[in-house]
Amino acid sequence: MKKSIEQTSLRGLDPFTGYGYFSKEDITLYGTEAYIDGLIYMKGNNIELKKVAIIGGSTSDLNYNGSWLRPLQKNLDEYGLEIVTASVSGYSTTQELLRLIRDLVGLKPVLVISLNGVNDLGFMQSVSCKYPRIHSYQARLFQYLNFKKSDIKNKPAVMFNSFTKKAGITMPSMNDSKSVSGLNYGAKSNKSDYEIWEENIKMKYAICSTFDIDYLSVLQPIMGFGTYEMESEEKEFLDEYNVSRSPVNRVSYIDAVNTFYNNAKEISKKYDYILDATEIFSLERFCYLDPRHPNDKGNKIIADFIFKNIETVFPK
C-alpha cells in the first residue's frame, strides 16, 4: 500500500549542502511564516523576538505533510520566542552542521535544536559509505559536470570545461594550463554510520558552545525500532519500504535501522545534550504517516516532548 505524501520543491542548488529551497514558492507557508534567504521564520523574522533555530531533515521540513515545528511554535509564543528553521527534506547531520555554520550561528539564537537519526542510518543520503559527508545530490551534480562527452570533433570533453568555454569564463591561473578532469571527494572513511552521526553532533555542540548558544540533539523515533506496536496498515507500509529501499549499505533497511539505532541509543546516554526520543510513541497508536515520518498526532507528541525538555531554559 503506497502512501501519497506532500513534499517540498527543492529547486535550489546550494554550494554547501548540494540543494535546498530556491524561493518562497517551494514551500507552503501559513500566517506569519516567511521565507528569507533560504531560512523560514515562523513569525516573519520579528526583530523583537529571540530565536530558536531548528536544523533537520524532512520530519522538520514544514512542507513535508506537516511538522512538529508549528505546534512547538505555539508552545514558545508565551516566551516571546520565534522559530527559524534551516531544515530541508533529505538533510543528514552533515548538512545540519554546514547550515549551522553558515546560516544560523550569526543569528545568535538562544537555542539550536536538531531532530535527527533517520537520514544518517545506513548512509542513506551519502554518495557512499566511504564518503559519508558527500550528499548523493551533490555527487550527482558534480558527476554530471565531470561527464565526458564527445565534442564536434568527436574528442572527449568534460562538461564543465565545455560550459566555461561557452560562457567565456576564465578559470583561475592554477587551471590555465590544464582543464578540470576529475572529482575529489576527500579522504575515505572507514567509520560506521552511527560514528559519523556522533561526530557531527559533537561538532555542532562545540560550535554552539563557543558562541554561547544552547544546543539539543534529539534522536528521532522511527517505525520498526523500539516498543511501538504497529497497526496492520503501518506494518504493510514498513514491509513495502523494506523491499523498496533494500539494500542499504549492503544490508536490508530494517537491519540498517536496528544497527544504527541500537548504537545511537547507547551513544545518547553519554551526552547530556542528546535526547533519546525513540520511545515517545510507545503507549500510542497510529503515529506514523509512513515508516520514517510521523503524522499530525506524532508531530504534536514530538513537539510536546521537546518543549517539556527545553522549557526550563526560558524564563517567562
Protein backbone atom coordinates (compact mmCIF):
# COMPACT_ATOMS: atom_id res chain seq x y z
CA MET A 1 0.00 0.00 0.00
CA LYS A 2 1.59 3.23 -1.13
CA LYS A 3 1.05 6.49 0.73
CA SER A 4 0.88 9.80 -1.12
CA ILE A 5 3.00 12.40 0.67
CA GLU A 6 3.16 16.11 0.01
CA GLN A 7 6.80 17.10 -0.39
CA THR A 8 8.81 20.29 -0.68
CA SER A 9 10.01 21.51 -4.07
CA LEU A 10 13.80 21.54 -3.92
CA ARG A 11 14.82 23.69 -6.88
CA GLY A 12 17.79 25.48 -5.39
CA LEU A 13 21.40 24.42 -5.78
CA ASP A 14 23.47 25.03 -2.66
CA PRO A 15 27.31 25.04 -2.76
CA PHE A 16 27.40 23.89 0.89
CA THR A 17 24.70 21.25 1.10
CA GLY A 18 24.03 20.39 -2.52
CA TYR A 19 20.43 21.61 -2.62
CA GLY A 20 17.71 23.48 -0.77
CA TYR A 21 14.86 25.92 -1.29
CA PHE A 22 15.02 28.39 -4.15
CA SER A 23 12.16 30.72 -3.25
CA LYS A 24 9.01 31.04 -1.17
CA GLU A 25 7.18 29.24 -3.98
CA ASP A 26 8.89 25.99 -2.97
CA ILE A 27 7.04 25.66 0.32
CA THR A 28 3.55 26.27 1.66
CA LEU A 29 3.67 28.90 4.39
CA TYR A 30 0.91 29.94 6.77
CA GLY A 31 0.07 33.10 8.66
CA THR A 32 3.18 34.99 9.72
CA GLU A 33 5.64 32.42 8.32
CA ALA A 34 8.17 33.95 5.93
CA TYR A 35 10.92 32.66 3.64
CA ILE A 36 14.07 34.81 3.74
CA ASP A 37 17.40 33.81 2.16
CA GLY A 38 16.88 30.06 2.44
CA LEU A 39 15.54 30.21 6.00
CA ILE A 40 11.96 30.13 7.25
CA TYR A 41 10.95 32.42 10.10
CA MET A 42 7.78 31.31 11.86
CA LYS A 43 6.94 34.86 12.98
CA GLY A 44 8.17 36.71 9.91
CA ASN A 45 11.61 37.44 11.41
CA ASN A 46 10.19 39.61 14.19
CA ILE A 47 13.23 41.51 15.48
CA GLU A 48 11.66 41.82 18.91
CA LEU A 49 11.65 38.05 19.42
CA LYS A 50 14.65 35.91 20.35
CA LYS A 51 15.27 32.98 18.04
CA VAL A 52 15.18 29.22 18.48
CA ALA A 53 16.94 27.64 15.48
CA ILE A 54 15.92 24.25 14.07
CA ILE A 55 18.00 22.02 11.82
CA GLY A 56 16.92 18.67 10.44
CA GLY A 57 15.51 16.70 7.54
CA SER A 58 12.02 16.05 6.20
CA THR A 59 10.44 15.44 9.62
CA SER A 60 11.33 19.06 10.43
CA ASP A 61 10.53 20.35 6.93
CA LEU A 62 7.37 22.48 7.13
CA ASN A 63 6.11 21.28 3.76
CA TYR A 64 6.53 17.56 4.32
CA ASN A 65 2.93 16.78 5.34
CA GLY A 66 3.08 18.91 8.43
CA SER A 67 5.79 19.27 11.01
CA TRP A 68 6.39 19.36 14.74
CA LEU A 69 7.65 22.95 14.35
CA ARG A 70 4.19 24.51 14.20
CA PRO A 71 2.90 23.04 17.48
CA LEU A 72 6.26 23.85 19.09
CA GLN A 73 5.97 27.47 17.97
CA LYS A 74 2.59 27.68 19.72
CA ASN A 75 4.26 26.48 22.92
CA LEU A 76 7.04 29.07 22.52
CA ASP A 77 4.73 32.03 21.88
CA GLU A 78 4.27 32.73 25.59
CA TYR A 79 8.04 33.02 25.99
CA GLY A 80 8.46 35.61 23.25
CA LEU A 81 10.45 33.23 21.05
CA GLU A 82 10.45 32.71 17.30
CA ILE A 83 11.50 29.57 15.47
CA VAL A 84 13.82 29.98 12.49
CA THR A 85 14.41 26.79 10.58
CA ALA A 86 17.06 25.62 8.10
CA SER A 87 15.55 22.13 7.91
CA VAL A 88 15.20 20.60 4.46
CA SER A 89 13.99 17.20 3.35
CA GLY A 90 16.87 14.75 2.96
CA TYR A 91 19.39 16.60 5.12
CA SER A 92 21.59 14.44 7.32
CA THR A 93 23.59 15.72 10.30
CA THR A 94 26.33 16.74 7.86
CA GLN A 95 24.04 19.21 6.10
CA GLU A 96 22.78 20.34 9.51
CA LEU A 97 26.34 21.10 10.57
CA LEU A 98 27.01 23.12 7.42
CA ARG A 99 23.82 25.16 7.72
CA LEU A 100 24.56 25.82 11.38
CA ILE A 101 27.97 27.25 10.48
CA ARG A 102 26.85 29.33 7.53
CA ASP A 103 23.32 30.46 8.34
CA LEU A 104 22.40 30.11 12.00
CA VAL A 105 25.33 31.00 14.27
CA GLY A 106 25.28 34.58 13.03
CA LEU A 107 21.63 34.94 14.06
CA LYS A 108 22.66 34.36 17.69
CA PRO A 109 19.76 32.07 18.61
CA VAL A 110 19.27 31.21 22.27
CA LEU A 111 18.94 27.53 21.38
CA VAL A 112 19.61 25.20 18.44
CA ILE A 113 17.51 22.03 18.21
CA SER A 114 18.31 19.19 15.84
CA LEU A 115 15.90 16.27 15.30
CA ASN A 116 17.88 13.59 13.50
CA GLY A 117 18.79 9.95 13.04
CA VAL A 118 16.63 8.78 10.16
CA ASN A 119 18.74 10.34 7.40
CA ASP A 120 22.03 9.16 8.89
CA LEU A 121 21.28 5.46 9.17
CA GLY A 122 22.90 3.24 6.57
CA PHE A 123 24.46 6.30 4.86
CA MET A 124 21.12 6.66 3.05
CA GLN A 125 21.80 10.23 1.93
CA SER A 126 25.52 9.81 1.22
CA VAL A 127 27.17 9.10 -2.11
CA SER A 128 28.74 6.04 -0.44
CA CYS A 129 29.85 4.72 2.94
CA LYS A 130 33.42 5.72 2.01
CA TYR A 131 32.40 9.36 1.60
CA PRO A 132 29.65 9.78 4.22
CA ARG A 133 29.71 13.58 4.24
CA ILE A 134 29.13 13.97 0.49
CA HIS A 135 25.39 14.05 -0.17
CA SER A 136 24.23 11.94 -3.10
CA TYR A 137 22.66 15.03 -4.72
CA GLN A 138 25.97 16.89 -4.52
CA ALA A 139 27.70 13.92 -6.13
CA ARG A 140 25.16 13.74 -8.96
CA LEU A 141 25.72 17.38 -9.85
CA PHE A 142 29.48 17.13 -9.94
CA GLN A 143 29.39 13.76 -11.71
CA TYR A 144 27.36 15.45 -14.43
CA LEU A 145 29.81 18.34 -14.66
CA ASN A 146 32.64 15.82 -14.88
CA PHE A 147 30.85 13.72 -17.50
CA LYS A 148 32.94 13.25 -20.63
CA LYS A 149 31.01 13.77 -23.84
CA SER A 150 32.22 13.93 -27.41
CA ASP A 151 32.63 17.38 -28.91
CA ILE A 152 32.08 18.32 -32.54
CA LYS A 153 35.46 16.81 -33.44
CA ASN A 154 34.49 13.58 -31.65
CA LYS A 155 37.07 14.16 -28.95
CA PRO A 156 36.27 13.57 -25.26
CA ALA A 157 35.35 16.81 -23.48
CA VAL A 158 34.38 17.30 -19.84
CA MET A 159 31.01 19.03 -19.49
CA PHE A 160 32.35 21.60 -17.02
CA ASN A 161 35.07 22.66 -19.45
CA SER A 162 32.51 22.97 -22.25
CA PHE A 163 30.27 25.14 -20.08
CA THR A 164 33.05 27.50 -19.03
CA LYS A 165 34.29 27.82 -22.61
CA LYS A 166 30.83 28.63 -23.96
CA ALA A 167 30.22 31.10 -21.13
CA GLY A 168 33.55 32.80 -21.68
CA ILE A 169 34.60 32.11 -18.09
CA THR A 170 38.32 32.34 -17.38
CA MET A 171 39.48 29.88 -14.75
CA PRO A 172 41.98 30.90 -12.03
CA SER A 173 45.64 30.89 -13.06
CA MET A 174 46.24 27.48 -11.48
CA ASN A 175 43.95 25.97 -14.11
CA ASP A 176 45.16 27.86 -17.16
CA SER A 177 47.25 25.02 -18.49
CA LYS A 178 45.01 22.08 -17.58
CA SER A 179 41.25 21.70 -17.64
CA VAL A 180 39.09 20.19 -14.93
CA SER A 181 39.23 16.43 -15.37
CA GLY A 182 38.23 14.63 -12.19
CA LEU A 183 36.36 14.53 -8.87
CA ASN A 184 37.84 14.57 -5.39
CA TYR A 185 35.53 13.68 -2.51
CA GLY A 186 38.22 13.96 0.16
CA ALA A 187 39.72 11.33 2.43
CA LYS A 188 37.94 7.99 2.59
CA SER A 189 36.23 6.95 5.79
CA ASN A 190 36.00 3.54 7.43
CA LYS A 191 33.67 4.71 10.17
CA SER A 192 30.15 3.44 10.75
CA ASP A 193 27.01 5.49 10.23
CA TYR A 194 26.46 5.99 13.94
CA GLU A 195 30.08 7.09 14.45
CA ILE A 196 29.71 9.80 11.80
CA TRP A 197 26.39 10.79 13.39
CA GLU A 198 28.09 11.13 16.79
CA GLU A 199 30.97 13.18 15.35
CA ASN A 200 28.61 15.60 13.62
CA ILE A 201 26.58 16.11 16.78
CA LYS A 202 29.70 16.74 18.85
CA MET A 203 30.89 19.33 16.32
CA LYS A 204 27.51 21.09 16.37
CA TYR A 205 27.60 21.16 20.15
CA ALA A 206 31.18 22.50 20.15
CA ILE A 207 30.28 25.30 17.73
CA CYS A 208 27.21 26.31 19.71
CA SER A 209 29.14 26.24 22.98
CA THR A 210 31.82 28.51 21.53
CA PHE A 211 29.14 31.07 20.64
CA ASP A 212 27.25 30.71 23.95
CA ILE A 213 24.29 29.02 22.28
CA ASP A 214 22.44 26.14 23.96
CA TYR A 215 22.26 23.01 21.81
CA LEU A 216 19.99 19.96 21.90
CA SER A 217 20.14 16.97 19.57
CA VAL A 218 17.09 14.68 19.55
CA LEU A 219 17.29 11.08 18.31
CA GLN A 220 14.01 10.83 16.45
CA PRO A 221 11.55 7.92 16.58
CA ILE A 222 11.26 5.61 13.61
CA MET A 223 8.89 2.83 12.67
CA GLY A 224 10.37 -0.64 13.12
CA PHE A 225 12.51 0.16 16.16
CA GLY A 226 11.57 0.09 19.81
CA THR A 227 8.40 -0.99 21.59
CA TYR A 228 5.86 0.89 19.47
CA GLU A 229 3.15 -1.55 18.39
CA MET A 230 2.38 -1.07 14.73
CA GLU A 231 -1.11 -1.38 13.32
CA SER A 232 -1.64 -3.66 10.31
CA GLU A 233 -1.54 -0.73 7.87
CA GLU A 234 1.73 0.52 9.34
CA LYS A 235 3.26 -2.96 9.12
CA GLU A 236 2.29 -3.04 5.46
CA PHE A 237 4.00 0.32 4.87
CA LEU A 238 7.15 -0.90 6.58
CA ASP A 239 7.26 -4.20 4.68
CA GLU A 240 6.92 -2.39 1.37
CA TYR A 241 9.58 0.13 2.37
CA ASN A 242 11.95 -2.61 3.43
CA VAL A 243 11.72 -4.08 -0.07
CA SER A 244 11.87 -0.80 -1.99
CA ARG A 245 14.80 0.64 -0.01
CA SER A 246 16.82 -2.55 0.28
CA PRO A 247 19.75 -2.93 0.31
CA VAL A 248 21.06 -0.05 2.42
CA ASN A 249 24.81 -0.15 2.86
CA ARG A 250 24.66 -3.80 1.70
CA VAL A 251 22.10 -4.78 4.34
CA SER A 252 18.30 -4.64 4.47
CA TYR A 253 16.58 -1.44 5.52
CA ILE A 254 15.31 -3.00 8.78
CA ASP A 255 18.78 -4.29 9.63
CA ALA A 256 20.24 -0.83 8.95
CA VAL A 257 17.61 0.75 11.22
CA ASN A 258 18.33 -1.59 14.11
CA THR A 259 22.12 -1.43 13.81
CA PHE A 260 22.14 2.36 13.74
CA TYR A 261 19.51 2.93 16.39
CA ASN A 262 20.82 0.38 18.89
CA ASN A 263 24.21 2.09 18.77
CA ALA A 264 22.80 5.62 18.67
CA LYS A 265 20.74 4.95 21.81
CA GLU A 266 23.89 3.89 23.67
CA ILE A 267 25.76 6.93 22.39
CA SER A 268 22.93 9.19 23.56
CA LYS A 269 23.48 8.06 27.14
CA LYS A 270 26.98 9.60 27.12
CA TYR A 271 25.93 13.19 26.43
CA ASP A 272 23.51 15.43 28.28
CA TYR A 273 22.82 17.33 25.04
CA ILE A 274 21.47 14.27 23.18
CA LEU A 275 17.86 13.42 23.97
CA ASP A 276 16.58 9.93 23.11
CA ALA A 277 13.03 10.22 21.74
CA THR A 278 12.79 6.75 20.22
CA GLU A 279 10.15 5.54 22.70
CA ILE A 280 7.84 8.55 22.84
CA PHE A 281 5.16 6.72 20.80
CA SER A 282 5.38 3.50 22.84
CA LEU A 283 1.97 3.96 24.52
CA GLU A 284 0.29 5.46 21.45
CA ARG A 285 -1.31 4.15 18.23
CA PHE A 286 -1.40 5.43 14.65
CA CYS A 287 1.50 7.88 14.97
CA TYR A 288 3.12 7.44 11.56
CA LEU A 289 2.37 8.69 8.07
CA ASP A 290 4.93 6.30 6.59
CA PRO A 291 7.88 4.30 8.05
CA ARG A 292 10.01 7.43 8.51
CA HIS A 293 7.56 10.30 9.07
CA PRO A 294 5.09 10.95 11.89
CA ASN A 295 1.54 12.08 11.16
CA ASP A 296 -0.09 15.12 12.78
CA LYS A 297 -0.60 13.21 16.01
CA GLY A 298 3.02 12.08 16.07
CA ASN A 299 4.28 15.58 15.31
CA LYS A 300 2.30 17.00 18.23
CA ILE A 301 3.78 14.37 20.55
CA ILE A 302 7.30 15.24 19.37
CA ALA A 303 6.69 18.97 19.86
CA ASP A 304 5.33 18.50 23.38
CA PHE A 305 8.18 16.13 24.30
CA ILE A 306 10.85 18.56 23.12
CA PHE A 307 9.11 21.54 24.72
CA LYS A 308 8.93 19.73 28.06
CA ASN A 309 12.70 19.18 27.93
CA ILE A 310 13.63 22.74 26.99
CA GLU A 311 11.02 24.76 28.89
CA THR A 312 13.27 25.38 31.88
CA VAL A 313 15.77 27.20 29.64
CA PHE A 314 13.35 30.04 29.01
CA PRO A 315 12.28 32.35 31.84
CA LYS A 316 8.81 33.85 31.39
